[in-house]
Structures are given as C-alpha cells and as structure tokens.
Amino acid sequence: MAGDKIVVLQEENFKEFIGESAAPVLVDFWAEWCGPCKMIAPVVEEVAEEFEGKVRVAKLDVDENQDVAASLKVISIPTLILFKGGNELERSIGYKTKDELSRIINKHL
C-alpha cells in the first residue's frame, strides 16, 4: 500500500524515526476504515515522490498504534503532522490536495 518512499511507523520506532531524521518528517495518521484516509493516500505518495531527499514521509495506523496517536492528541483522521527534530511544526486535519500539502511543507524548508 505505502509506496517505497513512505516508511510505515509503529509505536516502537516512531519517536526514534521523527527524532533522528535530519530532514523534516511528514507523518500521515490514518486507519484502514477511514474513507478520507484512502483518498489522501495517493496525494501523500505524490508528495513523498516530489520532496524525496528533502522530507521523509511516513504513515502510522492509529488503530494499531493508539498510544502514539493519543500522546499527540490525534483525534480526527486523516491527520498529517510535519515534525523537525522530533518537534511538531504544523498539523493538517482532513483531506488536502497536493498543492495544499506542498505549501505546508515548503513553509518549513
């Protein structure tokens, strides 16, 4: 499902992944049953392709990783959070177009 440019995160590797990346990390918080999550998935893949080398893109299934979602107060999905050095830079909730996501990322590059 996730393209090879997208890392699938779990609770075990989440903090390490977002904390150790020199590049900003965009994390897509999603769930299998979520319609808008399925709609935004190809957009997230396009963004991963376009920003390869500048931004790392990852997905986290909120049903399988509830502690991470709860600790970040992710209550609606899809939620996309851009992190840098383990800190949240910006949060986007709901479906976004590729242009909207690109604008969010570009602001922080």
C-alpha atoms as a PDB file:
ATOM      1  CA  MET A   1       0.000   0.000   0.000  1.00  0.00           C
ATOM      2  CA  ALA A   2       2.583   2.587   1.012  1.00  0.00           C
ATOM      3  CA  GLY A   3       5.000   3.338  -1.778  1.00  0.00           C
ATOM      4  CA  ASP A   4       8.674   2.521  -1.246  1.00  0.00           C
ATOM      5  CA  LYS A   5       9.327   6.201  -0.465  1.00  0.00           C
ATOM      6  CA  ILE A   6       6.982   6.004   2.547  1.00  0.00           C
ATOM      7  CA  VAL A   7       8.076   4.463   5.839  1.00  0.00           C
ATOM      8  CA  VAL A   8       5.470   2.566   7.860  1.00  0.00           C
ATOM      9  CA  LEU A   9       5.866   3.521  11.514  1.00  0.00           C
ATOM     10  CA  GLN A  10       4.880   1.631  14.672  1.00  0.00           C
ATOM     11  CA  GLU A  11       4.939   2.690  18.318  1.00  0.00           C
ATOM     12  CA  GLU A  12       8.370   1.023  18.704  1.00  0.00           C
ATOM     13  CA  ASN A  13      10.115   3.147  16.070  1.00  0.00           C
ATOM     14  CA  PHE A  14       8.034   6.339  15.976  1.00  0.00           C
ATOM     15  CA  LYS A  15       9.942   8.608  18.399  1.00  0.00           C
ATOM     16  CA  GLU A  16      13.314   7.431  17.116  1.00  0.00           C
ATOM     17  CA  PHE A  17      12.322   7.989  13.474  1.00  0.00           C
ATOM     18  CA  ILE A  18      10.972  11.520  13.922  1.00  0.00           C
ATOM     19  CA  GLY A  19      13.701  12.478  16.394  1.00  0.00           C
ATOM     20  CA  GLU A  20      16.718  11.237  14.457  1.00  0.00           C
ATOM     21  CA  SER A  21      15.806  12.449  10.992  1.00  0.00           C
ATOM     22  CA  ALA A  22      17.849  15.449   9.878  1.00  0.00           C
ATOM     23  CA  ALA A  23      15.136  16.245   7.328  1.00  0.00           C
ATOM     24  CA  PRO A  24      11.596  17.239   8.283  1.00  0.00           C
ATOM     25  CA  VAL A  25       9.250  14.244   8.630  1.00  0.00           C
ATOM     26  CA  LEU A  26       5.652  14.277   7.409  1.00  0.00           C
ATOM     27  CA  VAL A  27       3.581  11.616   9.179  1.00  0.00           C
ATOM     28  CA  ASP A  28       0.175  10.543   7.853  1.00  0.00           C
ATOM     29  CA  PHE A  29      -2.006   9.292  10.728  1.00  0.00           C
ATOM     30  CA  TRP A  30      -4.633   7.021   9.168  1.00  0.00           C
ATOM     31  CA  ALA A  31      -6.809   3.930   9.615  1.00  0.00           C
ATOM     32  CA  GLU A  32      -7.996   1.172   7.287  1.00  0.00           C
ATOM     33  CA  TRP A  33     -11.704   2.040   7.736  1.00  0.00           C
ATOM     34  CA  CYS A  34     -11.271   5.781   7.053  1.00  0.00           C
ATOM     35  CA  GLY A  35     -12.574   6.908   3.636  1.00  0.00           C
ATOM     36  CA  PRO A  36     -10.793  10.294   3.527  1.00  0.00           C
ATOM     37  CA  CYS A  37      -7.559   8.484   4.551  1.00  0.00           C
ATOM     38  CA  LYS A  38      -7.845   6.313   1.436  1.00  0.00           C
ATOM     39  CA  MET A  39      -8.496   9.441  -0.648  1.00  0.00           C
ATOM     40  CA  ILE A  40      -5.396  11.263   0.621  1.00  0.00           C
ATOM     41  CA  ALA A  41      -3.052   8.230   0.391  1.00  0.00           C
ATOM     42  CA  PRO A  42      -2.148   8.791  -3.306  1.00  0.00           C
ATOM     43  CA  VAL A  43      -1.615  12.506  -2.574  1.00  0.00           C
ATOM     44  CA  VAL A  44       0.798  11.613   0.248  1.00  0.00           C
ATOM     45  CA  GLU A  45       2.636   9.272  -2.153  1.00  0.00           C
ATOM     46  CA  GLU A  46       2.966  12.089  -4.723  1.00  0.00           C
ATOM     47  CA  VAL A  47       4.319  14.411  -2.027  1.00  0.00           C
ATOM     48  CA  ALA A  48       6.825  11.727  -0.950  1.00  0.00           C
ATOM     49  CA  GLU A  49       7.975  11.481  -4.565  1.00  0.00           C
ATOM     50  CA  GLU A  50       8.190  15.240  -5.098  1.00  0.00           C
ATOM     51  CA  PHE A  51      10.037  16.022  -1.854  1.00  0.00           C
ATOM     52  CA  GLU A  52      12.338  12.986  -1.918  1.00  0.00           C
ATOM     53  CA  GLY A  53      15.671  13.920  -0.353  1.00  0.00           C
ATOM     54  CA  LYS A  54      14.149  16.977   1.381  1.00  0.00           C
ATOM     55  CA  VAL A  55      11.369  15.486   3.513  1.00  0.00           C
ATOM     56  CA  ARG A  56      10.857  11.979   4.862  1.00  0.00           C
ATOM     57  CA  VAL A  57       7.296  10.701   4.636  1.00  0.00           C
ATOM     58  CA  ALA A  58       5.781   8.091   6.932  1.00  0.00           C
ATOM     59  CA  LYS A  59       2.401   6.563   7.785  1.00  0.00           C
ATOM     60  CA  LEU A  60       1.107   5.471  11.163  1.00  0.00           C
ATOM     61  CA  ASP A  61      -2.038   3.344  11.579  1.00  0.00           C
ATOM     62  CA  VAL A  62      -3.870   4.880  14.554  1.00  0.00           C
ATOM     63  CA  ASP A  63      -5.784   1.661  15.303  1.00  0.00           C
ATOM     64  CA  GLU A  64      -2.571  -0.339  15.691  1.00  0.00           C
ATOM     65  CA  ASN A  65      -0.647   2.463  17.439  1.00  0.00           C
ATOM     66  CA  GLN A  66      -3.171   4.123  19.738  1.00  0.00           C
ATOM     67  CA  ASP A  67      -0.617   5.315  22.310  1.00  0.00           C
ATOM     68  CA  VAL A  68       1.277   7.428  19.762  1.00  0.00           C
ATOM     69  CA  ALA A  69      -1.968   8.892  18.401  1.00  0.00           C
ATOM     70  CA  ALA A  70      -3.217   9.653  21.921  1.00  0.00           C
ATOM     71  CA  SER A  71       0.079  11.221  23.024  1.00  0.00           C
ATOM     72  CA  LEU A  72      -0.107  13.621  20.047  1.00  0.00           C
ATOM     73  CA  LYS A  73      -3.830  14.246  20.570  1.00  0.00           C
ATOM     74  CA  VAL A  74      -4.709  12.953  17.105  1.00  0.00           C
ATOM     75  CA  ILE A  75      -8.497  12.720  17.323  1.00  0.00           C
ATOM     76  CA  SER A  76      -9.569  13.125  13.688  1.00  0.00           C
ATOM     77  CA  ILE A  77      -8.049  11.317  10.738  1.00  0.00           C
ATOM     78  CA  PRO A  78      -6.506  11.777   8.347  1.00  0.00           C
ATOM     79  CA  THR A  79      -4.159  14.000  10.317  1.00  0.00           C
ATOM     80  CA  LEU A  80      -0.809  14.882   8.803  1.00  0.00           C
ATOM     81  CA  ILE A  81       1.859  16.267  11.106  1.00  0.00           C
ATOM     82  CA  LEU A  82       5.156  17.752   9.969  1.00  0.00           C
ATOM     83  CA  PHE A  83       7.958  17.212  12.500  1.00  0.00           C
ATOM     84  CA  LYS A  84      11.507  18.521  12.658  1.00  0.00           C
ATOM     85  CA  GLY A  85      13.958  17.288  15.284  1.00  0.00           C
ATOM     86  CA  GLY A  86      11.136  15.405  16.968  1.00  0.00           C
ATOM     87  CA  ASN A  87       9.023  18.550  17.404  1.00  0.00           C
ATOM     88  CA  GLU A  88       5.716  19.271  15.716  1.00  0.00           C
ATOM     89  CA  LEU A  89       5.938  22.130  13.204  1.00  0.00           C
ATOM     90  CA  GLU A  90       2.487  22.014  11.703  1.00  0.00           C
ATOM     91  CA  ARG A  91      -0.645  19.868  11.691  1.00  0.00           C
ATOM     92  CA  SER A  92      -3.195  19.383   8.930  1.00  0.00           C
ATOM     93  CA  ILE A  93      -6.513  17.625   9.554  1.00  0.00           C
ATOM     94  CA  GLY A  94      -8.728  16.172   6.838  1.00  0.00           C
ATOM     95  CA  TYR A  95      -8.247  15.747   3.115  1.00  0.00           C
ATOM     96  CA  LYS A  96      -5.799  18.119   1.425  1.00  0.00           C
ATOM     97  CA  THR A  97      -4.750  18.486  -2.185  1.00  0.00           C
ATOM     98  CA  LYS A  98      -1.145  18.019  -3.239  1.00  0.00           C
ATOM     99  CA  ASP A  99      -0.796  21.813  -3.616  1.00  0.00           C
ATOM    100  CA  GLU A 100      -2.081  22.411  -0.081  1.00  0.00           C
ATOM    101  CA  LEU A 101       0.299  19.829   1.385  1.00  0.00           C
ATOM    102  CA  SER A 102       3.210  21.167  -0.671  1.00  0.00           C
ATOM    103  CA  ARG A 103       2.570  24.691   0.655  1.00  0.00           C
ATOM    104  CA  ILE A 104       2.657  23.416   4.254  1.00  0.00           C
ATOM    105  CA  ILE A 105       5.953  21.591   3.639  1.00  0.00           C
ATOM    106  CA  ASN A 106       7.577  24.429   1.676  1.00  0.00           C
ATOM    107  CA  LYS A 107       6.925  26.876   4.530  1.00  0.00           C
ATOM    108  CA  HIS A 108       9.283  24.817   6.711  1.00  0.00           C
ATOM    109  CA  LEU A 109      12.068  24.001   4.245  1.00  0.00           C
END
